[in-house]
Amino acid sequence: MPLSGSFCGIPISAPRGTNHAGYPNFSEKYLLSASYLPESYSVIIYNEPSVTVHMVEFGYKGDIIVEGSPDYASWDKGTMKR
């Protein structure tokens, strides 16, 4: 799972991995949980005084809705569903 935040005023970011996605199951003490989340990498843009982290999911297999396409017109922007 991707993580981000700041520690002592220093911004941090840990993207999802390119191998497999571990899943934080805090009720389990000894076993690692995994999920089928798509692989990803991050692009980091640093400009004083801000940091922007873009997560790119290159393993995503679903639809991409392009503005101006017929699918875009039927997409409910309020509920994020078609």
PDB file of N, CA and C in Angstrom:
ATOM      1  N   MET A   1       0.850  -1.181   0.000  1.00  0.00           N
ATOM      2  CA  MET A   1       0.000   0.000   0.000  1.00  0.00           C
ATOM      3  C   MET A   1       0.890   1.237   0.000  1.00  0.00           C
ATOM      4  N   PRO A   2       0.508   2.260  -0.761  1.00  0.00           N
ATOM      5  CA  PRO A   2       1.306   3.480  -0.752  1.00  0.00           C
ATOM      6  C   PRO A   2       1.125   4.223   0.566  1.00  0.00           C
ATOM      7  N   LEU A   3       2.184   4.823   1.030  1.00  0.00           N
ATOM      8  CA  LEU A   3       2.157   5.593   2.263  1.00  0.00           C
ATOM      9  C   LEU A   3       2.751   6.967   1.988  1.00  0.00           C
ATOM     10  N   SER A   4       2.258   7.983   2.667  1.00  0.00           N
ATOM     11  CA  SER A   4       2.855   9.306   2.555  1.00  0.00           C
ATOM     12  C   SER A   4       2.545  10.086   3.812  1.00  0.00           C
ATOM     13  N   GLY A   5       3.315  11.117   4.041  1.00  0.00           N
ATOM     14  CA  GLY A   5       3.116  11.957   5.203  1.00  0.00           C
ATOM     15  C   GLY A   5       4.356  12.777   5.465  1.00  0.00           C
ATOM     16  N   SER A   6       4.553  13.156   6.692  1.00  0.00           N
ATOM     17  CA  SER A   6       5.770  13.869   7.056  1.00  0.00           C
ATOM     18  C   SER A   6       6.213  13.394   8.435  1.00  0.00           C
ATOM     19  N   PHE A   7       7.516  13.431   8.664  1.00  0.00           N
ATOM     20  CA  PHE A   7       8.106  13.030   9.925  1.00  0.00           C
ATOM     21  C   PHE A   7       9.095  14.108  10.321  1.00  0.00           C
ATOM     22  N   CYS A   8       8.827  14.762  11.440  1.00  0.00           N
ATOM     23  CA  CYS A   8       9.673  15.869  11.909  1.00  0.00           C
ATOM     24  C   CYS A   8       9.822  16.939  10.832  1.00  0.00           C
ATOM     25  N   GLY A   9       8.743  17.206  10.089  1.00  0.00           N
ATOM     26  CA  GLY A   9       8.765  18.234   9.062  1.00  0.00           C
ATOM     27  C   GLY A   9       9.374  17.796   7.741  1.00  0.00           C
ATOM     28  N   ILE A  10       9.773  16.528   7.617  1.00  0.00           N
ATOM     29  CA  ILE A  10      10.370  16.013   6.386  1.00  0.00           C
ATOM     30  C   ILE A  10       9.321  15.185   5.660  1.00  0.00           C
ATOM     31  N   PRO A  11       8.964  15.566   4.413  1.00  0.00           N
ATOM     32  CA  PRO A  11       7.960  14.787   3.677  1.00  0.00           C
ATOM     33  C   PRO A  11       8.495  13.410   3.306  1.00  0.00           C
ATOM     34  N   ILE A  12       7.615  12.392   3.418  1.00  0.00           N
ATOM     35  CA  ILE A  12       8.000  11.023   3.079  1.00  0.00           C
ATOM     36  C   ILE A  12       6.966  10.425   2.129  1.00  0.00           C
ATOM     37  N   SER A  13       7.418   9.502   1.301  1.00  0.00           N
ATOM     38  CA  SER A  13       6.522   8.789   0.406  1.00  0.00           C
ATOM     39  C   SER A  13       7.088   7.402   0.159  1.00  0.00           C
ATOM     40  N   ALA A  14       6.248   6.386   0.280  1.00  0.00           N
ATOM     41  CA  ALA A  14       6.640   5.009  -0.005  1.00  0.00           C
ATOM     42  C   ALA A  14       5.595   4.439  -0.951  1.00  0.00           C
ATOM     43  N   PRO A  15       5.918   4.333  -2.253  1.00  0.00           N
ATOM     44  CA  PRO A  15       4.932   3.847  -3.212  1.00  0.00           C
ATOM     45  C   PRO A  15       4.719   2.351  -3.093  1.00  0.00           C
ATOM     46  N   ARG A  16       3.659   1.873  -3.739  1.00  0.00           N
ATOM     47  CA  ARG A  16       3.425   0.452  -3.856  1.00  0.00           C
ATOM     48  C   ARG A  16       4.563  -0.137  -4.674  1.00  0.00           C
ATOM     49  N   GLY A  17       4.870  -1.387  -4.474  1.00  0.00           N
ATOM     50  CA  GLY A  17       6.009  -2.001  -5.144  1.00  0.00           C
ATOM     51  C   GLY A  17       5.728  -2.454  -6.554  1.00  0.00           C
ATOM     52  N   THR A  18       6.799  -2.833  -7.249  1.00  0.00           N
ATOM     53  CA  THR A  18       6.678  -3.334  -8.612  1.00  0.00           C
ATOM     54  C   THR A  18       6.597  -4.853  -8.642  1.00  0.00           C
ATOM     55  N   ASN A  19       6.657  -5.520  -7.497  1.00  0.00           N
ATOM     56  CA  ASN A  19       6.645  -6.982  -7.442  1.00  0.00           C
ATOM     57  C   ASN A  19       5.281  -7.505  -7.004  1.00  0.00           C
ATOM     58  N   HIS A  20       4.924  -7.356  -5.764  1.00  0.00           N
ATOM     59  CA  HIS A  20       3.617  -7.788  -5.252  1.00  0.00           C
ATOM     60  C   HIS A  20       3.163  -6.782  -4.203  1.00  0.00           C
ATOM     61  N   ALA A  21       1.888  -6.748  -3.959  1.00  0.00           N
ATOM     62  CA  ALA A  21       1.332  -5.773  -3.024  1.00  0.00           C
ATOM     63  C   ALA A  21       1.062  -6.430  -1.680  1.00  0.00           C
ATOM     64  N   GLY A  22       1.837  -6.071  -0.684  1.00  0.00           N
ATOM     65  CA  GLY A  22       1.523  -6.485   0.678  1.00  0.00           C
ATOM     66  C   GLY A  22       0.346  -5.661   1.165  1.00  0.00           C
ATOM     67  N   TYR A  23      -0.478  -6.229   2.001  1.00  0.00           N
ATOM     68  CA  TYR A  23      -1.670  -5.547   2.476  1.00  0.00           C
ATOM     69  C   TYR A  23      -1.612  -5.493   3.997  1.00  0.00           C
ATOM     70  N   PRO A  24      -1.768  -4.307   4.595  1.00  0.00           N
ATOM     71  CA  PRO A  24      -1.647  -4.202   6.049  1.00  0.00           C
ATOM     72  C   PRO A  24      -2.870  -4.772   6.773  1.00  0.00           C
ATOM     73  N   ASN A  25      -2.722  -5.970   7.287  1.00  0.00           N
ATOM     74  CA  ASN A  25      -3.769  -6.603   8.083  1.00  0.00           C
ATOM     75  C   ASN A  25      -3.308  -6.527   9.535  1.00  0.00           C
ATOM     76  N   PHE A  26      -3.711  -5.476  10.235  1.00  0.00           N
ATOM     77  CA  PHE A  26      -3.189  -5.220  11.571  1.00  0.00           C
ATOM     78  C   PHE A  26      -3.740  -6.166  12.634  1.00  0.00           C
ATOM     79  N   SER A  27      -4.755  -6.953  12.304  1.00  0.00           N
ATOM     80  CA  SER A  27      -5.264  -7.916  13.279  1.00  0.00           C
ATOM     81  C   SER A  27      -4.454  -9.219  13.249  1.00  0.00           C
ATOM     82  N   GLU A  28      -3.704  -9.451  12.197  1.00  0.00           N
ATOM     83  CA  GLU A  28      -2.878 -10.661  12.070  1.00  0.00           C
ATOM     84  C   GLU A  28      -1.472 -10.360  12.584  1.00  0.00           C
ATOM     85  N   LYS A  29      -0.925 -11.252  13.417  1.00  0.00           N
ATOM     86  CA  LYS A  29       0.373 -10.988  14.027  1.00  0.00           C
ATOM     87  C   LYS A  29       1.536 -11.650  13.295  1.00  0.00           C
ATOM     88  N   TYR A  30       1.307 -12.733  12.573  1.00  0.00           N
ATOM     89  CA  TYR A  30       2.436 -13.493  12.048  1.00  0.00           C
ATOM     90  C   TYR A  30       2.421 -13.716  10.545  1.00  0.00           C
ATOM     91  N   LEU A  31       1.280 -13.562   9.871  1.00  0.00           N
ATOM     92  CA  LEU A  31       1.191 -13.871   8.455  1.00  0.00           C
ATOM     93  C   LEU A  31       1.133 -12.597   7.619  1.00  0.00           C
ATOM     94  N   LEU A  32       1.795 -12.622   6.471  1.00  0.00           N
ATOM     95  CA  LEU A  32       1.738 -11.510   5.549  1.00  0.00           C
ATOM     96  C   LEU A  32       0.517 -11.653   4.657  1.00  0.00           C
ATOM     97  N   SER A  33      -0.247 -10.603   4.530  1.00  0.00           N
ATOM     98  CA  SER A  33      -1.387 -10.603   3.618  1.00  0.00           C
ATOM     99  C   SER A  33      -0.945 -10.002   2.299  1.00  0.00           C
ATOM    100  N   ALA A  34      -1.568 -10.410   1.216  1.00  0.00           N
ATOM    101  CA  ALA A  34      -1.247  -9.873  -0.106  1.00  0.00           C
ATOM    102  C   ALA A  34      -2.536  -9.577  -0.845  1.00  0.00           C
ATOM    103  N   SER A  35      -2.425  -8.760  -1.861  1.00  0.00           N
ATOM    104  CA  SER A  35      -3.590  -8.428  -2.676  1.00  0.00           C
ATOM    105  C   SER A  35      -3.163  -8.325  -4.134  1.00  0.00           C
ATOM    106  N   TYR A  36      -4.132  -8.236  -5.018  1.00  0.00           N
ATOM    107  CA  TYR A  36      -3.854  -8.151  -6.445  1.00  0.00           C
ATOM    108  C   TYR A  36      -3.943  -6.711  -6.929  1.00  0.00           C
ATOM    109  N   LEU A  37      -3.367  -5.800  -6.201  1.00  0.00           N
ATOM    110  CA  LEU A  37      -3.332  -4.410  -6.633  1.00  0.00           C
ATOM    111  C   LEU A  37      -2.326  -4.280  -7.771  1.00  0.00           C
ATOM    112  N   PRO A  38      -2.560  -3.364  -8.709  1.00  0.00           N
ATOM    113  CA  PRO A  38      -1.634  -3.240  -9.832  1.00  0.00           C
ATOM    114  C   PRO A  38      -0.273  -2.702  -9.397  1.00  0.00           C
ATOM    115  N   GLU A  39       0.756  -3.084 -10.135  1.00  0.00           N
ATOM    116  CA  GLU A  39       2.095  -2.600  -9.869  1.00  0.00           C
ATOM    117  C   GLU A  39       2.142  -1.096 -10.139  1.00  0.00           C
ATOM    118  N   SER A  40       3.058  -0.416  -9.478  1.00  0.00           N
ATOM    119  CA  SER A  40       3.128   1.028  -9.662  1.00  0.00           C
ATOM    120  C   SER A  40       4.541   1.534  -9.408  1.00  0.00           C
ATOM    121  N   TYR A  41       4.762   2.763  -9.821  1.00  0.00           N
ATOM    122  CA  TYR A  41       5.973   3.493  -9.452  1.00  0.00           C
ATOM    123  C   TYR A  41       5.558   4.942  -9.230  1.00  0.00           C
ATOM    124  N   SER A  42       6.438   5.739  -8.662  1.00  0.00           N
ATOM    125  CA  SER A  42       6.103   7.129  -8.367  1.00  0.00           C
ATOM    126  C   SER A  42       7.033   8.083  -9.109  1.00  0.00           C
ATOM    127  N   VAL A  43       6.479   9.215  -9.490  1.00  0.00           N
ATOM    128  CA  VAL A  43       7.246  10.322 -10.036  1.00  0.00           C
ATOM    129  C   VAL A  43       7.144  11.442  -9.012  1.00  0.00           C
ATOM    130  N   ILE A  44       8.295  11.927  -8.551  1.00  0.00           N
ATOM    131  CA  ILE A  44       8.318  12.936  -7.497  1.00  0.00           C
ATOM    132  C   ILE A  44       8.798  14.258  -8.085  1.00  0.00           C
ATOM    133  N   ILE A  45       8.023  15.309  -7.844  1.00  0.00           N
ATOM    134  CA  ILE A  45       8.388  16.654  -8.281  1.00  0.00           C
ATOM    135  C   ILE A  45       8.606  17.486  -7.025  1.00  0.00           C
ATOM    136  N   TYR A  46       9.821  18.001  -6.889  1.00  0.00           N
ATOM    137  CA  TYR A  46      10.173  18.785  -5.708  1.00  0.00           C
ATOM    138  C   TYR A  46      10.444  20.219  -6.122  1.00  0.00           C
ATOM    139  N   ASN A  47       9.697  21.138  -5.547  1.00  0.00           N
ATOM    140  CA  ASN A  47       9.912  22.579  -5.712  1.00  0.00           C
ATOM    141  C   ASN A  47       9.772  23.201  -4.339  1.00  0.00           C
ATOM    142  N   GLU A  48      10.762  23.947  -3.914  1.00  0.00           N
ATOM    143  CA  GLU A  48      10.690  24.616  -2.623  1.00  0.00           C
ATOM    144  C   GLU A  48       9.424  25.455  -2.589  1.00  0.00           C
ATOM    145  N   PRO A  49       8.514  25.366  -1.686  1.00  0.00           N
ATOM    146  CA  PRO A  49       8.510  24.582  -0.455  1.00  0.00           C
ATOM    147  C   PRO A  49       7.604  23.353  -0.524  1.00  0.00           C
ATOM    148  N   SER A  50       7.369  22.760  -1.710  1.00  0.00           N
ATOM    149  CA  SER A  50       6.413  21.656  -1.785  1.00  0.00           C
ATOM    150  C   SER A  50       6.992  20.435  -2.481  1.00  0.00           C
ATOM    151  N   VAL A  51       6.339  19.307  -2.232  1.00  0.00           N
ATOM    152  CA  VAL A  51       6.685  18.043  -2.870  1.00  0.00           C
ATOM    153  C   VAL A  51       5.386  17.453  -3.424  1.00  0.00           C
ATOM    154  N   THR A  52       5.401  17.023  -4.685  1.00  0.00           N
ATOM    155  CA  THR A  52       4.245  16.380  -5.293  1.00  0.00           C
ATOM    156  C   THR A  52       4.656  14.973  -5.707  1.00  0.00           C
ATOM    157  N   VAL A  53       3.857  13.985  -5.328  1.00  0.00           N
ATOM    158  CA  VAL A  53       4.146  12.595  -5.676  1.00  0.00           C
ATOM    159  C   VAL A  53       3.000  12.079  -6.536  1.00  0.00           C
ATOM    160  N   HIS A  54       3.319  11.667  -7.758  1.00  0.00           N
ATOM    161  CA  HIS A  54       2.337  11.075  -8.667  1.00  0.00           C
ATOM    162  C   HIS A  54       2.568   9.569  -8.690  1.00  0.00           C
ATOM    163  N   MET A  55       1.539   8.782  -8.390  1.00  0.00           N
ATOM    164  CA  MET A  55       1.656   7.337  -8.455  1.00  0.00           C
ATOM    165  C   MET A  55       1.152   6.879  -9.818  1.00  0.00           C
ATOM    166  N   VAL A  56       1.978   6.126 -10.532  1.00  0.00           N
ATOM    167  CA  VAL A  56       1.635   5.628 -11.863  1.00  0.00           C
ATOM    168  C   VAL A  56       1.420   4.125 -11.755  1.00  0.00           C
ATOM    169  N   GLU A  57       0.196   3.671 -12.005  1.00  0.00           N
ATOM    170  CA  GLU A  57      -0.135   2.246 -11.911  1.00  0.00           C
ATOM    171  C   GLU A  57       0.006   1.623 -13.296  1.00  0.00           C
ATOM    172  N   PHE A  58       1.182   1.086 -13.598  1.00  0.00           N
ATOM    173  CA  PHE A  58       1.400   0.522 -14.926  1.00  0.00           C
ATOM    174  C   PHE A  58       0.821  -0.869 -15.063  1.00  0.00           C
ATOM    175  N   GLY A  59       0.416  -1.512 -13.980  1.00  0.00           N
ATOM    176  CA  GLY A  59      -0.186  -2.833 -14.038  1.00  0.00           C
ATOM    177  C   GLY A  59      -1.700  -2.798 -14.087  1.00  0.00           C
ATOM    178  N   TYR A  60      -2.303  -1.611 -14.132  1.00  0.00           N
ATOM    179  CA  TYR A  60      -3.762  -1.456 -14.156  1.00  0.00           C
ATOM    180  C   TYR A  60      -4.328  -2.044 -15.440  1.00  0.00           C
ATOM    181  N   LYS A  61      -5.355  -2.881 -15.329  1.00  0.00           N
ATOM    182  CA  LYS A  61      -5.945  -3.563 -16.488  1.00  0.00           C
ATOM    183  C   LYS A  61      -7.350  -3.056 -16.829  1.00  0.00           C
ATOM    184  N   GLY A  62      -7.851  -2.091 -16.094  1.00  0.00           N
ATOM    185  CA  GLY A  62      -9.216  -1.618 -16.298  1.00  0.00           C
ATOM    186  C   GLY A  62      -9.332  -0.558 -17.374  1.00  0.00           C
ATOM    187  N   ASP A  63     -10.532  -0.009 -17.501  1.00  0.00           N
ATOM    188  CA  ASP A  63     -10.815   1.019 -18.493  1.00  0.00           C
ATOM    189  C   ASP A  63     -10.207   2.353 -18.076  1.00  0.00           C
ATOM    190  N   ILE A  64      -9.846   3.147 -19.065  1.00  0.00           N
ATOM    191  CA  ILE A  64      -9.453   4.535 -18.858  1.00  0.00           C
ATOM    192  C   ILE A  64     -10.452   5.376 -19.633  1.00  0.00           C
ATOM    193  N   ILE A  65     -11.142   6.259 -18.937  1.00  0.00           N
ATOM    194  CA  ILE A  65     -12.190   7.065 -19.542  1.00  0.00           C
ATOM    195  C   ILE A  65     -11.570   8.373 -20.022  1.00  0.00           C
ATOM    196  N   VAL A  66     -11.674   8.637 -21.318  1.00  0.00           N
ATOM    197  CA  VAL A  66     -11.083   9.817 -21.931  1.00  0.00           C
ATOM    198  C   VAL A  66     -12.142  10.895 -22.082  1.00  0.00           C
ATOM    199  N   GLU A  67     -11.809  12.112 -21.647  1.00  0.00           N
ATOM    200  CA  GLU A  67     -12.749  13.224 -21.768  1.00  0.00           C
ATOM    201  C   GLU A  67     -13.145  13.422 -23.228  1.00  0.00           C
ATOM    202  N   GLY A  68     -14.439  13.586 -23.473  1.00  0.00           N
ATOM    203  CA  GLY A  68     -14.955  13.763 -24.816  1.00  0.00           C
ATOM    204  C   GLY A  68     -15.427  12.468 -25.461  1.00  0.00           C
ATOM    205  N   SER A  69     -15.112  11.311 -24.873  1.00  0.00           N
ATOM    206  CA  SER A  69     -15.551  10.034 -25.435  1.00  0.00           C
ATOM    207  C   SER A  69     -16.994   9.748 -25.002  1.00  0.00           C
ATOM    208  N   PRO A  70     -17.693   8.817 -25.680  1.00  0.00           N
ATOM    209  CA  PRO A  70     -19.057   8.461 -25.256  1.00  0.00           C
ATOM    210  C   PRO A  70     -19.116   7.944 -23.814  1.00  0.00           C
ATOM    211  N   ASP A  71     -18.087   7.186 -23.383  1.00  0.00           N
ATOM    212  CA  ASP A  71     -18.073   6.694 -22.002  1.00  0.00           C
ATOM    213  C   ASP A  71     -18.000   7.835 -21.001  1.00  0.00           C
ATOM    214  N   TYR A  72     -17.299   8.891 -21.348  1.00  0.00           N
ATOM    215  CA  TYR A  72     -17.135  10.022 -20.425  1.00  0.00           C
ATOM    216  C   TYR A  72     -18.470  10.703 -20.166  1.00  0.00           C
ATOM    217  N   ALA A  73     -19.311  10.813 -21.185  1.00  0.00           N
ATOM    218  CA  ALA A  73     -20.613  11.461 -21.036  1.00  0.00           C
ATOM    219  C   ALA A  73     -21.522  10.695 -20.076  1.00  0.00           C
ATOM    220  N   SER A  74     -21.409   9.350 -20.039  1.00  0.00           N
ATOM    221  CA  SER A  74     -22.274   8.550 -19.166  1.00  0.00           C
ATOM    222  C   SER A  74     -21.666   8.317 -17.785  1.00  0.00           C
ATOM    223  N   TRP A  75     -20.505   8.861 -17.525  1.00  0.00           N
ATOM    224  CA  TRP A  75     -19.810   8.666 -16.254  1.00  0.00           C
ATOM    225  C   TRP A  75     -20.309   9.679 -15.237  1.00  0.00           C
ATOM    226  N   ASP A  76     -20.799   9.212 -14.090  1.00  0.00           N
ATOM    227  CA  ASP A  76     -21.315  10.089 -13.042  1.00  0.00           C
ATOM    228  C   ASP A  76     -20.145  10.596 -12.197  1.00  0.00           C
ATOM    229  N   LYS A  77     -19.797  11.861 -12.366  1.00  0.00           N
ATOM    230  CA  LYS A  77     -18.646  12.419 -11.655  1.00  0.00           C
ATOM    231  C   LYS A  77     -18.873  12.513 -10.148  1.00  0.00           C
ATOM    232  N   GLY A  78     -20.131  12.523  -9.717  1.00  0.00           N
ATOM    233  CA  GLY A  78     -20.438  12.583  -8.290  1.00  0.00           C
ATOM    234  C   GLY A  78     -20.220  11.276  -7.571  1.00  0.00           C
ATOM    235  N   THR A  79     -20.621  10.170  -8.212  1.00  0.00           N
ATOM    236  CA  THR A  79     -20.487   8.843  -7.584  1.00  0.00           C
ATOM    237  C   THR A  79     -19.272   8.069  -8.097  1.00  0.00           C
ATOM    238  N   MET A  80     -18.623   8.585  -9.169  1.00  0.00           N
ATOM    239  CA  MET A  80     -17.474   7.942  -9.793  1.00  0.00           C
ATOM    240  C   MET A  80     -17.852   6.577 -10.388  1.00  0.00           C
ATOM    241  N   LYS A  81     -19.124   6.452 -10.809  1.00  0.00           N
ATOM    242  CA  LYS A  81     -19.602   5.213 -11.423  1.00  0.00           C
ATOM    243  C   LYS A  81     -20.217   5.535 -12.777  1.00  0.00           C
ATOM    244  N   ARG A  82     -20.249   4.501 -13.636  1.00  0.00           N
ATOM    245  CA  ARG A  82     -20.924   4.678 -14.924  1.00  0.00           C
ATOM    246  C   ARG A  82     -22.344   4.235 -14.817  1.00  0.00           C
TER     247      ARG A  82
END
